[in-house]
Amino acid sequence: MDNEQLTALKKYGHFNSTHEVYGVLMEEVAEFFQIVMEKPGTKNKSERMAKELDQIRAVAERAKNELLNNKIKHV
């Protein structure tokens, strides 16, 4: 598990359901979109977008692992 995955685990804990996974992913995507919508040339925009994409990836990978290990309910 990488640093972003550990951070996501600390922030959200283990997922309880696929609906929760969806909600967390949508929250991370919304944070990415907020940065996308900022004016061009905004300070550190590319770096901040890259960080949000890392967070999306980390949540998705952790969810995939928990799903494949039957730790998430299918609802």
C-alpha atoms as a PDB file:
ATOM      1  CA  MET A   1       0.000   0.000   0.000  1.00  0.00           C
ATOM      2  CA  ASP A   2       1.473   3.372  -0.988  1.00  0.00           C
ATOM      3  CA  ASN A   3       1.311   6.660   0.938  1.00  0.00           C
ATOM      4  CA  GLU A   4      -1.813   7.908  -0.839  1.00  0.00           C
ATOM      5  CA  GLN A   5      -3.611   4.641  -0.104  1.00  0.00           C
ATOM      6  CA  LEU A   6      -2.621   4.841   3.565  1.00  0.00           C
ATOM      7  CA  THR A   7      -3.836   8.437   3.697  1.00  0.00           C
ATOM      8  CA  ALA A   8      -7.152   7.403   2.115  1.00  0.00           C
ATOM      9  CA  LEU A   9      -7.492   4.530   4.569  1.00  0.00           C
ATOM     10  CA  LYS A  10      -6.871   6.873   7.516  1.00  0.00           C
ATOM     11  CA  LYS A  11      -9.267   9.466   6.103  1.00  0.00           C
ATOM     12  CA  TYR A  12     -12.128   7.106   5.204  1.00  0.00           C
ATOM     13  CA  GLY A  13     -11.430   3.789   6.946  1.00  0.00           C
ATOM     14  CA  HIS A  14     -12.440   0.527   5.289  1.00  0.00           C
ATOM     15  CA  PHE A  15     -15.298   0.766   2.857  1.00  0.00           C
ATOM     16  CA  ASN A  16     -18.638  -0.612   4.014  1.00  0.00           C
ATOM     17  CA  SER A  17     -20.307  -0.874   0.625  1.00  0.00           C
ATOM     18  CA  THR A  18     -19.939  -0.232  -3.074  1.00  0.00           C
ATOM     19  CA  HIS A  19     -22.178   2.815  -2.599  1.00  0.00           C
ATOM     20  CA  GLU A  20     -19.643   4.238  -0.158  1.00  0.00           C
ATOM     21  CA  VAL A  21     -16.844   3.624  -2.669  1.00  0.00           C
ATOM     22  CA  TYR A  22     -18.839   5.536  -5.267  1.00  0.00           C
ATOM     23  CA  GLY A  23     -19.420   8.441  -2.874  1.00  0.00           C
ATOM     24  CA  VAL A  24     -15.760   8.737  -1.910  1.00  0.00           C
ATOM     25  CA  LEU A  25     -14.631   8.555  -5.531  1.00  0.00           C
ATOM     26  CA  MET A  26     -17.145  11.240  -6.534  1.00  0.00           C
ATOM     27  CA  GLU A  27     -15.884  13.474  -3.716  1.00  0.00           C
ATOM     28  CA  GLU A  28     -12.316  13.105  -4.978  1.00  0.00           C
ATOM     29  CA  VAL A  29     -13.389  13.711  -8.597  1.00  0.00           C
ATOM     30  CA  ALA A  30     -15.283  16.838  -7.494  1.00  0.00           C
ATOM     31  CA  GLU A  31     -12.130  18.138  -5.803  1.00  0.00           C
ATOM     32  CA  PHE A  32     -10.197  17.522  -9.036  1.00  0.00           C
ATOM     33  CA  PHE A  33     -12.897  19.303 -11.062  1.00  0.00           C
ATOM     34  CA  GLN A  34     -12.770  22.363  -8.776  1.00  0.00           C
ATOM     35  CA  ILE A  35      -9.115  22.784  -9.672  1.00  0.00           C
ATOM     36  CA  VAL A  36      -9.792  22.133 -13.370  1.00  0.00           C
ATOM     37  CA  MET A  37     -12.290  25.009 -13.358  1.00  0.00           C
ATOM     38  CA  GLU A  38      -9.810  27.510 -11.900  1.00  0.00           C
ATOM     39  CA  LYS A  39      -8.423  30.186 -14.159  1.00  0.00           C
ATOM     40  CA  PRO A  40      -5.449  29.197 -16.311  1.00  0.00           C
ATOM     41  CA  GLY A  41      -2.181  30.080 -14.658  1.00  0.00           C
ATOM     42  CA  THR A  42      -3.495  29.593 -11.125  1.00  0.00           C
ATOM     43  CA  LYS A  43      -0.594  28.870  -8.782  1.00  0.00           C
ATOM     44  CA  ASN A  44       0.495  25.206  -8.771  1.00  0.00           C
ATOM     45  CA  LYS A  45      -2.612  24.176 -10.736  1.00  0.00           C
ATOM     46  CA  SER A  46      -0.956  21.248 -12.518  1.00  0.00           C
ATOM     47  CA  GLU A  47       0.657  19.960  -9.338  1.00  0.00           C
ATOM     48  CA  ARG A  48      -2.606  20.192  -7.398  1.00  0.00           C
ATOM     49  CA  MET A  49      -4.504  18.406 -10.196  1.00  0.00           C
ATOM     50  CA  ALA A  50      -1.847  15.674 -10.216  1.00  0.00           C
ATOM     51  CA  LYS A  51      -2.210  15.257  -6.450  1.00  0.00           C
ATOM     52  CA  GLU A  52      -5.993  14.904  -6.757  1.00  0.00           C
ATOM     53  CA  LEU A  53      -5.521  12.319  -9.508  1.00  0.00           C
ATOM     54  CA  ASP A  54      -3.177  10.398  -7.200  1.00  0.00           C
ATOM     55  CA  GLN A  55      -5.875  10.469  -4.530  1.00  0.00           C
ATOM     56  CA  ILE A  56      -8.489   9.189  -7.003  1.00  0.00           C
ATOM     57  CA  ARG A  57      -6.124   6.388  -8.029  1.00  0.00           C
ATOM     58  CA  ALA A  58      -5.370   5.473  -4.425  1.00  0.00           C
ATOM     59  CA  VAL A  59      -9.043   5.282  -3.467  1.00  0.00           C
ATOM     60  CA  ALA A  60      -9.827   3.226  -6.580  1.00  0.00           C
ATOM     61  CA  GLU A  61      -6.957   0.789  -5.989  1.00  0.00           C
ATOM     62  CA  ARG A  62      -7.848   0.336  -2.324  1.00  0.00           C
ATOM     63  CA  ALA A  63     -11.495  -0.210  -3.218  1.00  0.00           C
ATOM     64  CA  LYS A  64     -10.491  -2.754  -5.856  1.00  0.00           C
ATOM     65  CA  ASN A  65      -8.359  -4.662  -3.347  1.00  0.00           C
ATOM     66  CA  GLU A  66     -11.071  -4.634  -0.685  1.00  0.00           C
ATOM     67  CA  LEU A  67     -13.670  -5.698  -3.243  1.00  0.00           C
ATOM     68  CA  LEU A  68     -11.551  -8.607  -4.507  1.00  0.00           C
ATOM     69  CA  ASN A  69     -10.884  -9.692  -0.921  1.00  0.00           C
ATOM     70  CA  ASN A  70     -14.629  -9.678  -0.128  1.00  0.00           C
ATOM     71  CA  LYS A  71     -14.336  -6.839   2.393  1.00  0.00           C
ATOM     72  CA  ILE A  72     -16.996  -4.674   0.695  1.00  0.00           C
ATOM     73  CA  LYS A  73     -20.712  -5.440   0.608  1.00  0.00           C
ATOM     74  CA  HIS A  74     -22.380  -5.440  -2.792  1.00  0.00           C
ATOM     75  CA  VAL A  75     -25.494  -3.298  -2.469  1.00  0.00           C
END
